[in-house]
């Protein structure tokens, strides 16, 4: 993806996506995290790989962003109430798939996301 395409994505609203796509991409991304939370590792993935986890014609960037939003909140400990073992309750993914993001990724309101879960 070019820098200009990524900048355009960051500045536009993020469309709603299918719940299953968010859950599958989040599960994949979470499985790639180090077991020791003190280890910081920045992973990169080919969008074609992530697209293979999504339904046909999915907006893979939107799915990826929504899945990374869930992971960021999980790492911050803000999703502990919705944790089920190594996963999260379906409600987290339901909200993540449809949560309004009119200001794009740069303006995501994480507090409002958590409030929507309650």
PDB file of N, CA and C in Angstrom:
ATOM      1  N   UNK A   1       0.856  -1.170   0.000  1.00  0.00           N
ATOM      2  CA  UNK A   1       0.000   0.000   0.000  1.00  0.00           C
ATOM      3  C   UNK A   1       0.898   1.226   0.000  1.00  0.00           C
ATOM      4  N   UNK A   2       0.540   2.197  -0.805  1.00  0.00           N
ATOM      5  CA  UNK A   2       1.325   3.426  -0.883  1.00  0.00           C
ATOM      6  C   UNK A   2       1.045   4.317   0.324  1.00  0.00           C
ATOM      7  N   UNK A   3       1.995   5.217   0.594  1.00  0.00           N
ATOM      8  CA  UNK A   3       1.812   6.159   1.697  1.00  0.00           C
ATOM      9  C   UNK A   3       0.584   7.031   1.483  1.00  0.00           C
ATOM     10  N   UNK A   4       0.345   7.447   0.247  1.00  0.00           N
ATOM     11  CA  UNK A   4      -0.807   8.316  -0.019  1.00  0.00           C
ATOM     12  C   UNK A   4      -2.124   7.570   0.207  1.00  0.00           C
ATOM     13  N   UNK A   5      -2.170   6.288  -0.147  1.00  0.00           N
ATOM     14  CA  UNK A   5      -3.386   5.500   0.085  1.00  0.00           C
ATOM     15  C   UNK A   5      -3.637   5.331   1.580  1.00  0.00           C
ATOM     16  N   UNK A   6      -2.563   5.110   2.340  1.00  0.00           N
ATOM     17  CA  UNK A   6      -2.716   4.974   3.780  1.00  0.00           C
ATOM     18  C   UNK A   6      -3.164   6.285   4.408  1.00  0.00           C
ATOM     19  N   UNK A   7      -2.589   7.407   3.970  1.00  0.00           N
ATOM     20  CA  UNK A   7      -3.002   8.716   4.491  1.00  0.00           C
ATOM     21  C   UNK A   7      -4.462   8.987   4.167  1.00  0.00           C
ATOM     22  N   UNK A   8      -4.904   8.601   2.988  1.00  0.00           N
ATOM     23  CA  UNK A   8      -6.307   8.797   2.610  1.00  0.00           C
ATOM     24  C   UNK A   8      -7.214   7.954   3.507  1.00  0.00           C
ATOM     25  N   UNK A   9      -6.790   6.740   3.840  1.00  0.00           N
ATOM     26  CA  UNK A   9      -7.579   5.873   4.716  1.00  0.00           C
ATOM     27  C   UNK A   9      -7.701   6.482   6.107  1.00  0.00           C
ATOM     28  N   UNK A  10      -6.607   6.992   6.631  1.00  0.00           N
ATOM     29  CA  UNK A  10      -6.589   7.549   7.987  1.00  0.00           C
ATOM     30  C   UNK A  10      -7.552   8.723   8.103  1.00  0.00           C
ATOM     31  N   UNK A  11      -7.747   9.481   7.050  1.00  0.00           N
ATOM     32  CA  UNK A  11      -8.585  10.662   7.110  1.00  0.00           C
ATOM     33  C   UNK A  11     -10.043  10.467   6.753  1.00  0.00           C
ATOM     34  N   UNK A  12     -10.442   9.272   6.383  1.00  0.00           N
ATOM     35  CA  UNK A  12     -11.842   9.070   5.968  1.00  0.00           C
ATOM     36  C   UNK A  12     -12.582   8.196   6.967  1.00  0.00           C
ATOM     37  N   UNK A  13     -13.911   8.262   6.934  1.00  0.00           N
ATOM     38  CA  UNK A  13     -14.697   7.399   7.832  1.00  0.00           C
ATOM     39  C   UNK A  13     -14.393   5.925   7.562  1.00  0.00           C
ATOM     40  N   UNK A  14     -14.445   5.134   8.607  1.00  0.00           N
ATOM     41  CA  UNK A  14     -14.203   3.699   8.479  1.00  0.00           C
ATOM     42  C   UNK A  14     -15.560   3.016   8.392  1.00  0.00           C
ATOM     43  N   UNK A  15     -15.828   2.335   7.280  1.00  0.00           N
ATOM     44  CA  UNK A  15     -17.144   1.701   7.132  1.00  0.00           C
ATOM     45  C   UNK A  15     -17.329   0.521   8.078  1.00  0.00           C
ATOM     46  N   UNK A  16     -18.581   0.215   8.347  1.00  0.00           N
ATOM     47  CA  UNK A  16     -18.919  -0.979   9.116  1.00  0.00           C
ATOM     48  C   UNK A  16     -18.499  -2.206   8.302  1.00  0.00           C
ATOM     49  N   UNK A  17     -18.201  -3.282   8.982  1.00  0.00           N
ATOM     50  CA  UNK A  17     -17.748  -4.517   8.331  1.00  0.00           C
ATOM     51  C   UNK A  17     -18.479  -5.702   8.941  1.00  0.00           C
ATOM     52  N   UNK A  18     -18.229  -6.875   8.400  1.00  0.00           N
ATOM     53  CA  UNK A  18     -18.849  -8.091   8.938  1.00  0.00           C
ATOM     54  C   UNK A  18     -18.169  -8.504  10.242  1.00  0.00           C
ATOM     55  N   UNK A  19     -18.980  -8.895  11.196  1.00  0.00           N
ATOM     56  CA  UNK A  19     -18.490  -9.289  12.518  1.00  0.00           C
ATOM     57  C   UNK A  19     -17.482 -10.436  12.414  1.00  0.00           C
ATOM     58  N   UNK A  20     -17.803 -11.436  11.624  1.00  0.00           N
ATOM     59  CA  UNK A  20     -16.913 -12.592  11.493  1.00  0.00           C
ATOM     60  C   UNK A  20     -15.535 -12.223  10.976  1.00  0.00           C
ATOM     61  N   UNK A  21     -15.483 -11.247  10.074  1.00  0.00           N
ATOM     62  CA  UNK A  21     -14.194 -10.801   9.551  1.00  0.00           C
ATOM     63  C   UNK A  21     -13.344 -10.193  10.661  1.00  0.00           C
ATOM     64  N   UNK A  22     -13.963  -9.335  11.485  1.00  0.00           N
ATOM     65  CA  UNK A  22     -13.224  -8.690  12.585  1.00  0.00           C
ATOM     66  C   UNK A  22     -12.722  -9.760  13.550  1.00  0.00           C
ATOM     67  N   UNK A  23     -13.562 -10.708  13.877  1.00  0.00           N
ATOM     68  CA  UNK A  23     -13.176 -11.744  14.842  1.00  0.00           C
ATOM     69  C   UNK A  23     -12.033 -12.595  14.297  1.00  0.00           C
ATOM     70  N   UNK A  24     -12.112 -13.001  13.036  1.00  0.00           N
ATOM     71  CA  UNK A  24     -11.051 -13.835  12.460  1.00  0.00           C
ATOM     72  C   UNK A  24      -9.726 -13.072  12.368  1.00  0.00           C
ATOM     73  N   UNK A  25      -9.770 -11.813  11.918  1.00  0.00           N
ATOM     74  CA  UNK A  25      -8.532 -11.034  11.799  1.00  0.00           C
ATOM     75  C   UNK A  25      -7.963 -10.751  13.187  1.00  0.00           C
ATOM     76  N   UNK A  26      -8.820 -10.378  14.148  1.00  0.00           N
ATOM     77  CA  UNK A  26      -8.327 -10.138  15.504  1.00  0.00           C
ATOM     78  C   UNK A  26      -7.693 -11.415  16.071  1.00  0.00           C
ATOM     79  N   UNK A  27      -8.342 -12.558  15.897  1.00  0.00           N
ATOM     80  CA  UNK A  27      -7.802 -13.823  16.410  1.00  0.00           C
ATOM     81  C   UNK A  27      -6.424 -14.104  15.811  1.00  0.00           C
ATOM     82  N   UNK A  28      -6.290 -13.861  14.529  1.00  0.00           N
ATOM     83  CA  UNK A  28      -4.999 -14.056  13.874  1.00  0.00           C
ATOM     84  C   UNK A  28      -3.957 -13.096  14.432  1.00  0.00           C
ATOM     85  N   UNK A  29      -4.301 -11.808  14.503  1.00  0.00           N
ATOM     86  CA  UNK A  29      -3.351 -10.815  15.015  1.00  0.00           C
ATOM     87  C   UNK A  29      -2.969 -11.110  16.463  1.00  0.00           C
ATOM     88  N   UNK A  30      -3.942 -11.480  17.283  1.00  0.00           N
ATOM     89  CA  UNK A  30      -3.676 -11.776  18.691  1.00  0.00           C
ATOM     90  C   UNK A  30      -2.791 -13.010  18.828  1.00  0.00           C
ATOM     91  N   UNK A  31      -2.954 -13.979  17.948  1.00  0.00           N
ATOM     92  CA  UNK A  31      -2.146 -15.200  18.022  1.00  0.00           C
ATOM     93  C   UNK A  31      -0.693 -14.926  17.646  1.00  0.00           C
ATOM     94  N   UNK A  32      -0.451 -13.841  16.957  1.00  0.00           N
ATOM     95  CA  UNK A  32       0.907 -13.481  16.538  1.00  0.00           C
ATOM     96  C   UNK A  32       1.640 -12.641  17.581  1.00  0.00           C
ATOM     97  N   UNK A  33       0.969 -12.316  18.686  1.00  0.00           N
ATOM     98  CA  UNK A  33       1.591 -11.506  19.741  1.00  0.00           C
ATOM     99  C   UNK A  33       2.499 -12.382  20.589  1.00  0.00           C
ATOM    100  N   UNK A  34       3.599 -11.825  21.113  1.00  0.00           N
ATOM    101  CA  UNK A  34       4.474 -12.603  21.993  1.00  0.00           C
ATOM    102  C   UNK A  34       3.736 -13.035  23.261  1.00  0.00           C
ATOM    103  N   UNK A  35       4.098 -14.192  23.802  1.00  0.00           N
ATOM    104  CA  UNK A  35       3.459 -14.693  25.020  1.00  0.00           C
ATOM    105  C   UNK A  35       3.746 -13.783  26.209  1.00  0.00           C
ATOM    106  N   UNK A  36       4.926 -13.185  26.241  1.00  0.00           N
ATOM    107  CA  UNK A  36       5.310 -12.289  27.335  1.00  0.00           C
ATOM    108  C   UNK A  36       4.884 -10.863  26.973  1.00  0.00           C
ATOM    109  N   UNK A  37       3.911 -10.276  27.691  1.00  0.00           N
ATOM    110  CA  UNK A  37       3.408  -8.944  27.342  1.00  0.00           C
ATOM    111  C   UNK A  37       4.455  -7.840  27.474  1.00  0.00           C
ATOM    112  N   UNK A  38       5.564  -8.118  28.159  1.00  0.00           N
ATOM    113  CA  UNK A  38       6.633  -7.110  28.279  1.00  0.00           C
ATOM    114  C   UNK A  38       7.452  -6.991  27.006  1.00  0.00           C
ATOM    115  N   UNK A  39       7.347  -8.008  26.142  1.00  0.00           N
ATOM    116  CA  UNK A  39       8.072  -7.993  24.870  1.00  0.00           C
ATOM    117  C   UNK A  39       7.272  -7.168  23.878  1.00  0.00           C
ATOM    118  N   UNK A  40       7.878  -6.132  23.379  1.00  0.00           N
ATOM    119  CA  UNK A  40       7.227  -5.279  22.380  1.00  0.00           C
ATOM    120  C   UNK A  40       7.700  -5.706  20.998  1.00  0.00           C
ATOM    121  N   UNK A  41       6.749  -6.047  20.150  1.00  0.00           N
ATOM    122  CA  UNK A  41       7.102  -6.468  18.801  1.00  0.00           C
ATOM    123  C   UNK A  41       6.098  -5.854  17.846  1.00  0.00           C
ATOM    124  N   UNK A  42       6.597  -5.248  16.817  1.00  0.00           N
ATOM    125  CA  UNK A  42       5.747  -4.645  15.797  1.00  0.00           C
ATOM    126  C   UNK A  42       5.674  -5.622  14.632  1.00  0.00           C
ATOM    127  N   UNK A  43       4.516  -6.174  14.403  1.00  0.00           N
ATOM    128  CA  UNK A  43       4.356  -7.130  13.314  1.00  0.00           C
ATOM    129  C   UNK A  43       3.769  -6.438  12.097  1.00  0.00           C
ATOM    130  N   UNK A  44       4.137  -6.939  10.940  1.00  0.00           N
ATOM    131  CA  UNK A  44       3.534  -6.434   9.713  1.00  0.00           C
ATOM    132  C   UNK A  44       2.986  -7.636   8.953  1.00  0.00           C
ATOM    133  N   UNK A  45       1.891  -7.401   8.245  1.00  0.00           N
ATOM    134  CA  UNK A  45       1.245  -8.472   7.520  1.00  0.00           C
ATOM    135  C   UNK A  45       0.858  -7.981   6.138  1.00  0.00           C
ATOM    136  N   UNK A  46       0.932  -8.862   5.198  1.00  0.00           N
ATOM    137  CA  UNK A  46       0.498  -8.574   3.851  1.00  0.00           C
ATOM    138  C   UNK A  46      -1.025  -8.510   3.849  1.00  0.00           C
ATOM    139  N   UNK A  47      -1.576  -7.488   3.207  1.00  0.00           N
ATOM    140  CA  UNK A  47      -3.038  -7.362   3.154  1.00  0.00           C
ATOM    141  C   UNK A  47      -3.691  -8.562   2.470  1.00  0.00           C
ATOM    142  N   UNK A  48      -2.985  -9.208   1.558  1.00  0.00           N
ATOM    143  CA  UNK A  48      -3.546 -10.396   0.912  1.00  0.00           C
ATOM    144  C   UNK A  48      -3.743 -11.522   1.918  1.00  0.00           C
ATOM    145  N   UNK A  49      -2.831 -11.627   2.868  1.00  0.00           N
ATOM    146  CA  UNK A  49      -2.972 -12.627   3.923  1.00  0.00           C
ATOM    147  C   UNK A  49      -4.217 -12.338   4.758  1.00  0.00           C
ATOM    148  N   UNK A  50      -4.380 -11.075   5.163  1.00  0.00           N
ATOM    149  CA  UNK A  50      -5.558 -10.700   5.943  1.00  0.00           C
ATOM    150  C   UNK A  50      -6.834 -10.843   5.119  1.00  0.00           C
ATOM    151  N   UNK A  51      -6.761 -10.517   3.832  1.00  0.00           N
ATOM    152  CA  UNK A  51      -7.935 -10.656   2.960  1.00  0.00           C
ATOM    153  C   UNK A  51      -8.388 -12.106   2.896  1.00  0.00           C
ATOM    154  N   UNK A  52      -7.439 -13.033   2.981  1.00  0.00           N
ATOM    155  CA  UNK A  52      -7.777 -14.454   2.969  1.00  0.00           C
ATOM    156  C   UNK A  52      -8.566 -14.879   4.199  1.00  0.00           C
ATOM    157  N   UNK A  53      -8.520 -14.078   5.251  1.00  0.00           N
ATOM    158  CA  UNK A  53      -9.277 -14.359   6.469  1.00  0.00           C
ATOM    159  C   UNK A  53     -10.685 -13.759   6.428  1.00  0.00           C
ATOM    160  N   UNK A  54     -10.918 -12.910   5.438  1.00  0.00           N
ATOM    161  CA  UNK A  54     -12.186 -12.166   5.341  1.00  0.00           C
ATOM    162  C   UNK A  54     -13.088 -12.731   4.261  1.00  0.00           C
ATOM    163  N   UNK A  55     -14.367 -12.364   4.367  1.00  0.00           N
ATOM    164  CA  UNK A  55     -15.309 -12.708   3.310  1.00  0.00           C
ATOM    165  C   UNK A  55     -14.900 -12.009   2.022  1.00  0.00           C
ATOM    166  N   UNK A  56     -15.348 -12.559   0.914  1.00  0.00           N
ATOM    167  CA  UNK A  56     -15.069 -11.954  -0.391  1.00  0.00           C
ATOM    168  C   UNK A  56     -15.623 -10.525  -0.418  1.00  0.00           C
ATOM    169  N   UNK A  57     -14.907  -9.624  -1.021  1.00  0.00           N
ATOM    170  CA  UNK A  57     -15.276  -8.207  -1.183  1.00  0.00           C
ATOM    171  C   UNK A  57     -15.256  -7.409   0.119  1.00  0.00           C
ATOM    172  N   UNK A  58     -14.634  -7.938   1.163  1.00  0.00           N
ATOM    173  CA  UNK A  58     -14.528  -7.193   2.423  1.00  0.00           C
ATOM    174  C   UNK A  58     -13.583  -6.009   2.233  1.00  0.00           C
ATOM    175  N   UNK A  59     -13.829  -4.944   2.969  1.00  0.00           N
ATOM    176  CA  UNK A  59     -12.907  -3.810   3.019  1.00  0.00           C
ATOM    177  C   UNK A  59     -11.834  -4.198   4.029  1.00  0.00           C
ATOM    178  N   UNK A  60     -10.749  -4.772   3.551  1.00  0.00           N
ATOM    179  CA  UNK A  60      -9.734  -5.361   4.424  1.00  0.00           C
ATOM    180  C   UNK A  60      -9.091  -4.317   5.327  1.00  0.00           C
ATOM    181  N   UNK A  61      -8.862  -3.118   4.826  1.00  0.00           N
ATOM    182  CA  UNK A  61      -8.286  -2.072   5.677  1.00  0.00           C
ATOM    183  C   UNK A  61      -9.225  -1.731   6.833  1.00  0.00           C
ATOM    184  N   UNK A  62     -10.507  -1.646   6.555  1.00  0.00           N
ATOM    185  CA  UNK A  62     -11.480  -1.342   7.609  1.00  0.00           C
ATOM    186  C   UNK A  62     -11.523  -2.478   8.631  1.00  0.00           C
ATOM    187  N   UNK A  63     -11.495  -3.713   8.160  1.00  0.00           N
ATOM    188  CA  UNK A  63     -11.489  -4.867   9.063  1.00  0.00           C
ATOM    189  C   UNK A  63     -10.223  -4.842   9.906  1.00  0.00           C
ATOM    190  N   UNK A  64      -9.075  -4.620   9.271  1.00  0.00           N
ATOM    191  CA  UNK A  64      -7.800  -4.581   9.981  1.00  0.00           C
ATOM    192  C   UNK A  64      -7.815  -3.494  11.054  1.00  0.00           C
ATOM    193  N   UNK A  65      -8.286  -2.305  10.690  1.00  0.00           N
ATOM    194  CA  UNK A  65      -8.295  -1.229  11.684  1.00  0.00           C
ATOM    195  C   UNK A  65      -9.196  -1.579  12.854  1.00  0.00           C
ATOM    196  N   UNK A  66     -10.369  -2.090  12.580  1.00  0.00           N
ATOM    197  CA  UNK A  66     -11.300  -2.426  13.652  1.00  0.00           C
ATOM    198  C   UNK A  66     -10.735  -3.538  14.542  1.00  0.00           C
ATOM    199  N   UNK A  67     -10.045  -4.503  13.955  1.00  0.00           N
ATOM    200  CA  UNK A  67      -9.413  -5.573  14.738  1.00  0.00           C
ATOM    201  C   UNK A  67      -8.261  -5.018  15.580  1.00  0.00           C
ATOM    202  N   UNK A  68      -7.478  -4.099  15.035  1.00  0.00           N
ATOM    203  CA  UNK A  68      -6.376  -3.528  15.805  1.00  0.00           C
ATOM    204  C   UNK A  68      -6.900  -2.613  16.906  1.00  0.00           C
ATOM    205  N   UNK A  69      -8.049  -2.006  16.696  1.00  0.00           N
ATOM    206  CA  UNK A  69      -8.678  -1.203  17.742  1.00  0.00           C
ATOM    207  C   UNK A  69      -9.038  -2.094  18.928  1.00  0.00           C
ATOM    208  N   UNK A  70      -9.617  -3.247  18.644  1.00  0.00           N
ATOM    209  CA  UNK A  70      -9.947  -4.213  19.702  1.00  0.00           C
ATOM    210  C   UNK A  70      -8.672  -4.635  20.431  1.00  0.00           C
ATOM    211  N   UNK A  71      -7.629  -4.935  19.681  1.00  0.00           N
ATOM    212  CA  UNK A  71      -6.379  -5.392  20.309  1.00  0.00           C
ATOM    213  C   UNK A  71      -5.755  -4.294  21.162  1.00  0.00           C
ATOM    214  N   UNK A  72      -5.802  -3.059  20.701  1.00  0.00           N
ATOM    215  CA  UNK A  72      -5.255  -1.948  21.492  1.00  0.00           C
ATOM    216  C   UNK A  72      -6.005  -1.808  22.815  1.00  0.00           C
ATOM    217  N   UNK A  73      -7.318  -1.910  22.766  1.00  0.00           N
ATOM    218  CA  UNK A  73      -8.115  -1.824  23.996  1.00  0.00           C
ATOM    219  C   UNK A  73      -7.844  -3.009  24.917  1.00  0.00           C
ATOM    220  N   UNK A  74      -7.666  -4.171  24.333  1.00  0.00           N
ATOM    221  CA  UNK A  74      -7.358  -5.356  25.138  1.00  0.00           C
ATOM    222  C   UNK A  74      -6.015  -5.185  25.843  1.00  0.00           C
ATOM    223  N   UNK A  75      -5.015  -4.712  25.123  1.00  0.00           N
ATOM    224  CA  UNK A  75      -3.687  -4.512  25.713  1.00  0.00           C
ATOM    225  C   UNK A  75      -3.714  -3.482  26.832  1.00  0.00           C
ATOM    226  N   UNK A  76      -4.575  -2.485  26.695  1.00  0.00           N
ATOM    227  CA  UNK A  76      -4.708  -1.468  27.741  1.00  0.00           C
ATOM    228  C   UNK A  76      -5.489  -1.982  28.949  1.00  0.00           C
ATOM    229  N   UNK A  77      -6.060  -3.173  28.840  1.00  0.00           N
ATOM    230  CA  UNK A  77      -6.834  -3.744  29.935  1.00  0.00           C
ATOM    231  C   UNK A  77      -8.258  -3.242  30.008  1.00  0.00           C
ATOM    232  N   UNK A  78      -8.712  -2.557  28.970  1.00  0.00           N
ATOM    233  CA  UNK A  78     -10.045  -1.959  28.997  1.00  0.00           C
ATOM    234  C   UNK A  78     -11.155  -2.928  28.588  1.00  0.00           C
ATOM    235  N   UNK A  79     -10.781  -4.146  28.199  1.00  0.00           N
ATOM    236  CA  UNK A  79     -11.781  -5.136  27.786  1.00  0.00           C
ATOM    237  C   UNK A  79     -11.838  -6.334  28.726  1.00  0.00           C
ATOM    238  N   UNK A  80     -11.233  -6.216  29.899  1.00  0.00           N
ATOM    239  CA  UNK A  80     -11.181  -7.339  30.843  1.00  0.00           C
ATOM    240  C   UNK A  80     -12.566  -7.855  31.208  1.00  0.00           C
ATOM    241  N   UNK A  81     -13.542  -6.980  31.326  1.00  0.00           N
ATOM    242  CA  UNK A  81     -14.913  -7.406  31.680  1.00  0.00           C
ATOM    243  C   UNK A  81     -15.530  -8.306  30.621  1.00  0.00           C
ATOM    244  N   UNK A  82     -15.015  -8.235  29.414  1.00  0.00           N
ATOM    245  CA  UNK A  82     -15.582  -8.995  28.299  1.00  0.00           C
ATOM    246  C   UNK A  82     -14.650 -10.110  27.847  1.00  0.00           C
ATOM    247  N   UNK A  83     -13.718 -10.470  28.675  1.00  0.00           N
ATOM    248  CA  UNK A  83     -12.752 -11.513  28.348  1.00  0.00           C
ATOM    249  C   UNK A  83     -13.353 -12.882  28.626  1.00  0.00           C
ATOM    250  N   UNK A  84     -13.055 -13.834  27.742  1.00  0.00           N
ATOM    251  CA  UNK A  84     -13.441 -15.243  27.920  1.00  0.00           C
ATOM    252  C   UNK A  84     -12.219 -16.093  27.612  1.00  0.00           C
ATOM    253  N   UNK A  85     -11.468 -16.439  28.639  1.00  0.00           N
ATOM    254  CA  UNK A  85     -10.228 -17.186  28.427  1.00  0.00           C
ATOM    255  C   UNK A  85      -9.243 -16.343  27.636  1.00  0.00           C
ATOM    256  N   UNK A  86      -8.784 -16.882  26.528  1.00  0.00           N
ATOM    257  CA  UNK A  86      -7.850 -16.142  25.666  1.00  0.00           C
ATOM    258  C   UNK A  86      -8.566 -15.324  24.609  1.00  0.00           C
ATOM    259  N   UNK A  87      -9.877 -15.329  24.639  1.00  0.00           N
ATOM    260  CA  UNK A  87     -10.645 -14.588  23.640  1.00  0.00           C
ATOM    261  C   UNK A  87     -11.509 -13.538  24.326  1.00  0.00           C
ATOM    262  N   UNK A  88     -12.402 -12.983  23.555  1.00  0.00           N
ATOM    263  CA  UNK A  88     -13.315 -11.953  24.039  1.00  0.00           C
ATOM    264  C   UNK A  88     -14.739 -12.356  23.688  1.00  0.00           C
ATOM    265  N   UNK A  89     -15.682 -11.847  24.441  1.00  0.00           N
ATOM    266  CA  UNK A  89     -17.096 -12.133  24.160  1.00  0.00           C
ATOM    267  C   UNK A  89     -17.486 -11.599  22.785  1.00  0.00           C
ATOM    268  N   UNK A  90     -18.472 -12.237  22.206  1.00  0.00           N
ATOM    269  CA  UNK A  90     -18.944 -11.843  20.887  1.00  0.00           C
ATOM    270  C   UNK A  90     -19.378 -10.379  20.838  1.00  0.00           C
ATOM    271  N   UNK A  91     -19.886  -9.872  21.956  1.00  0.00           N
ATOM    272  CA  UNK A  91     -20.350  -8.481  21.991  1.00  0.00           C
ATOM    273  C   UNK A  91     -19.241  -7.505  21.584  1.00  0.00           C
ATOM    274  N   UNK A  92     -17.995  -7.793  21.971  1.00  0.00           N
ATOM    275  CA  UNK A  92     -16.875  -6.925  21.610  1.00  0.00           C
ATOM    276  C   UNK A  92     -16.765  -6.827  20.092  1.00  0.00           C
ATOM    277  N   UNK A  93     -16.899  -7.948  19.413  1.00  0.00           N
ATOM    278  CA  UNK A  93     -16.766  -7.961  17.957  1.00  0.00           C
ATOM    279  C   UNK A  93     -17.990  -7.365  17.277  1.00  0.00           C
ATOM    280  N   UNK A  94     -19.162  -7.558  17.894  1.00  0.00           N
ATOM    281  CA  UNK A  94     -20.375  -6.927  17.363  1.00  0.00           C
ATOM    282  C   UNK A  94     -20.214  -5.404  17.363  1.00  0.00           C
ATOM    283  N   UNK A  95     -19.737  -4.863  18.475  1.00  0.00           N
ATOM    284  CA  UNK A  95     -19.538  -3.413  18.568  1.00  0.00           C
ATOM    285  C   UNK A  95     -18.419  -2.976  17.631  1.00  0.00           C
ATOM    286  N   UNK A  96     -17.325  -3.723  17.616  1.00  0.00           N
ATOM    287  CA  UNK A  96     -16.181  -3.351  16.782  1.00  0.00           C
ATOM    288  C   UNK A  96     -16.551  -3.288  15.303  1.00  0.00           C
ATOM    289  N   UNK A  97     -17.401  -4.184  14.854  1.00  0.00           N
ATOM    290  CA  UNK A  97     -17.758  -4.241  13.435  1.00  0.00           C
ATOM    291  C   UNK A  97     -18.610  -3.060  12.997  1.00  0.00           C
ATOM    292  N   UNK A  98     -19.408  -2.519  13.899  1.00  0.00           N
ATOM    293  CA  UNK A  98     -20.372  -1.486  13.503  1.00  0.00           C
ATOM    294  C   UNK A  98     -20.166  -0.138  14.179  1.00  0.00           C
ATOM    295  N   UNK A  99     -19.249  -0.038  15.118  1.00  0.00           N
ATOM    296  CA  UNK A  99     -19.039   1.208  15.857  1.00  0.00           C
ATOM    297  C   UNK A  99     -18.757   2.356  14.894  1.00  0.00           C
ATOM    298  N   UNK A 100     -19.492   3.473  15.017  1.00  0.00           N
ATOM    299  CA  UNK A 100     -19.290   4.596  14.095  1.00  0.00           C
ATOM    300  C   UNK A 100     -17.888   5.201  14.245  1.00  0.00           C
ATOM    301  N   UNK A 101     -17.212   5.324  13.133  1.00  0.00           N
ATOM    302  CA  UNK A 101     -15.885   5.940  13.097  1.00  0.00           C
ATOM    303  C   UNK A 101     -15.863   6.995  11.991  1.00  0.00           C
ATOM    304  N   UNK A 102     -16.693   8.045  12.154  1.00  0.00           N
ATOM    305  CA  UNK A 102     -16.823   9.045  11.093  1.00  0.00           C
ATOM    306  C   UNK A 102     -15.571   9.886  10.871  1.00  0.00           C
ATOM    307  N   UNK A 103     -14.724   9.988  11.886  1.00  0.00           N
ATOM    308  CA  UNK A 103     -13.507  10.787  11.759  1.00  0.00           C
ATOM    309  C   UNK A 103     -12.302   9.992  11.322  1.00  0.00           C
ATOM    310  N   UNK A 104     -12.502   8.738  10.987  1.00  0.00           N
ATOM    311  CA  UNK A 104     -11.394   7.900  10.562  1.00  0.00           C
ATOM    312  C   UNK A 104     -10.586   7.389  11.738  1.00  0.00           C
ATOM    313  N   UNK A 105      -9.589   6.578  11.453  1.00  0.00           N
ATOM    314  CA  UNK A 105      -8.759   5.992  12.508  1.00  0.00           C
ATOM    315  C   UNK A 105      -8.074   7.015  13.399  1.00  0.00           C
ATOM    316  N   UNK A 106      -7.696   8.134  12.839  1.00  0.00           N
ATOM    317  CA  UNK A 106      -6.962   9.136  13.619  1.00  0.00           C
ATOM    318  C   UNK A 106      -7.810   9.740  14.734  1.00  0.00           C
ATOM    319  N   UNK A 107      -9.131   9.666  14.606  1.00  0.00           N
ATOM    320  CA  UNK A 107     -10.018  10.301  15.583  1.00  0.00           C
ATOM    321  C   UNK A 107     -10.918   9.306  16.298  1.00  0.00           C
ATOM    322  N   UNK A 108     -10.497   8.055  16.406  1.00  0.00           N
ATOM    323  CA  UNK A 108     -11.305   7.036  17.067  1.00  0.00           C
ATOM    324  C   UNK A 108     -11.444   7.371  18.556  1.00  0.00           C
ATOM    325  N   UNK A 109     -12.664   7.332  19.055  1.00  0.00           N
ATOM    326  CA  UNK A 109     -12.945   7.615  20.460  1.00  0.00           C
ATOM    327  C   UNK A 109     -13.012   6.294  21.221  1.00  0.00           C
ATOM    328  N   UNK A 110     -11.900   5.912  21.832  1.00  0.00           N
ATOM    329  CA  UNK A 110     -11.824   4.631  22.523  1.00  0.00           C
ATOM    330  C   UNK A 110     -12.752   4.563  23.727  1.00  0.00           C
ATOM    331  N   UNK A 111     -12.927   5.685  24.410  1.00  0.00           N
ATOM    332  CA  UNK A 111     -13.859   5.723  25.538  1.00  0.00           C
ATOM    333  C   UNK A 111     -15.288   5.458  25.102  1.00  0.00           C
ATOM    334  N   UNK A 112     -15.672   6.017  23.968  1.00  0.00           N
ATOM    335  CA  UNK A 112     -17.017   5.787  23.446  1.00  0.00           C
ATOM    336  C   UNK A 112     -17.196   4.335  23.016  1.00  0.00           C
ATOM    337  N   UNK A 113     -16.149   3.738  22.506  1.00  0.00           N
ATOM    338  CA  UNK A 113     -16.211   2.329  22.123  1.00  0.00           C
ATOM    339  C   UNK A 113     -16.503   1.476  23.366  1.00  0.00           C
ATOM    340  N   UNK A 114     -15.742   1.683  24.427  1.00  0.00           N
ATOM    341  CA  UNK A 114     -15.951   0.939  25.664  1.00  0.00           C
ATOM    342  C   UNK A 114     -17.348   1.210  26.222  1.00  0.00           C
ATOM    343  N   UNK A 115     -17.802   2.459  26.177  1.00  0.00           N
ATOM    344  CA  UNK A 115     -19.144   2.795  26.652  1.00  0.00           C
ATOM    345  C   UNK A 115     -20.213   2.051  25.830  1.00  0.00           C
ATOM    346  N   UNK A 116     -19.979   1.869  24.553  1.00  0.00           N
ATOM    347  CA  UNK A 116     -20.940   1.153  23.703  1.00  0.00           C
ATOM    348  C   UNK A 116     -21.046  -0.310  24.101  1.00  0.00           C
ATOM    349  N   UNK A 117     -20.034  -0.857  24.712  1.00  0.00           N
ATOM    350  CA  UNK A 117     -20.081  -2.235  25.180  1.00  0.00           C
ATOM    351  C   UNK A 117     -20.975  -2.388  26.405  1.00  0.00           C
ATOM    352  N   UNK A 118     -21.065  -1.321  27.167  1.00  0.00           N
ATOM    353  CA  UNK A 118     -21.844  -1.374  28.398  1.00  0.00           C
ATOM    354  C   UNK A 118     -23.280  -1.135  28.083  1.00  0.00           C
TER     355      UNK A 118
END
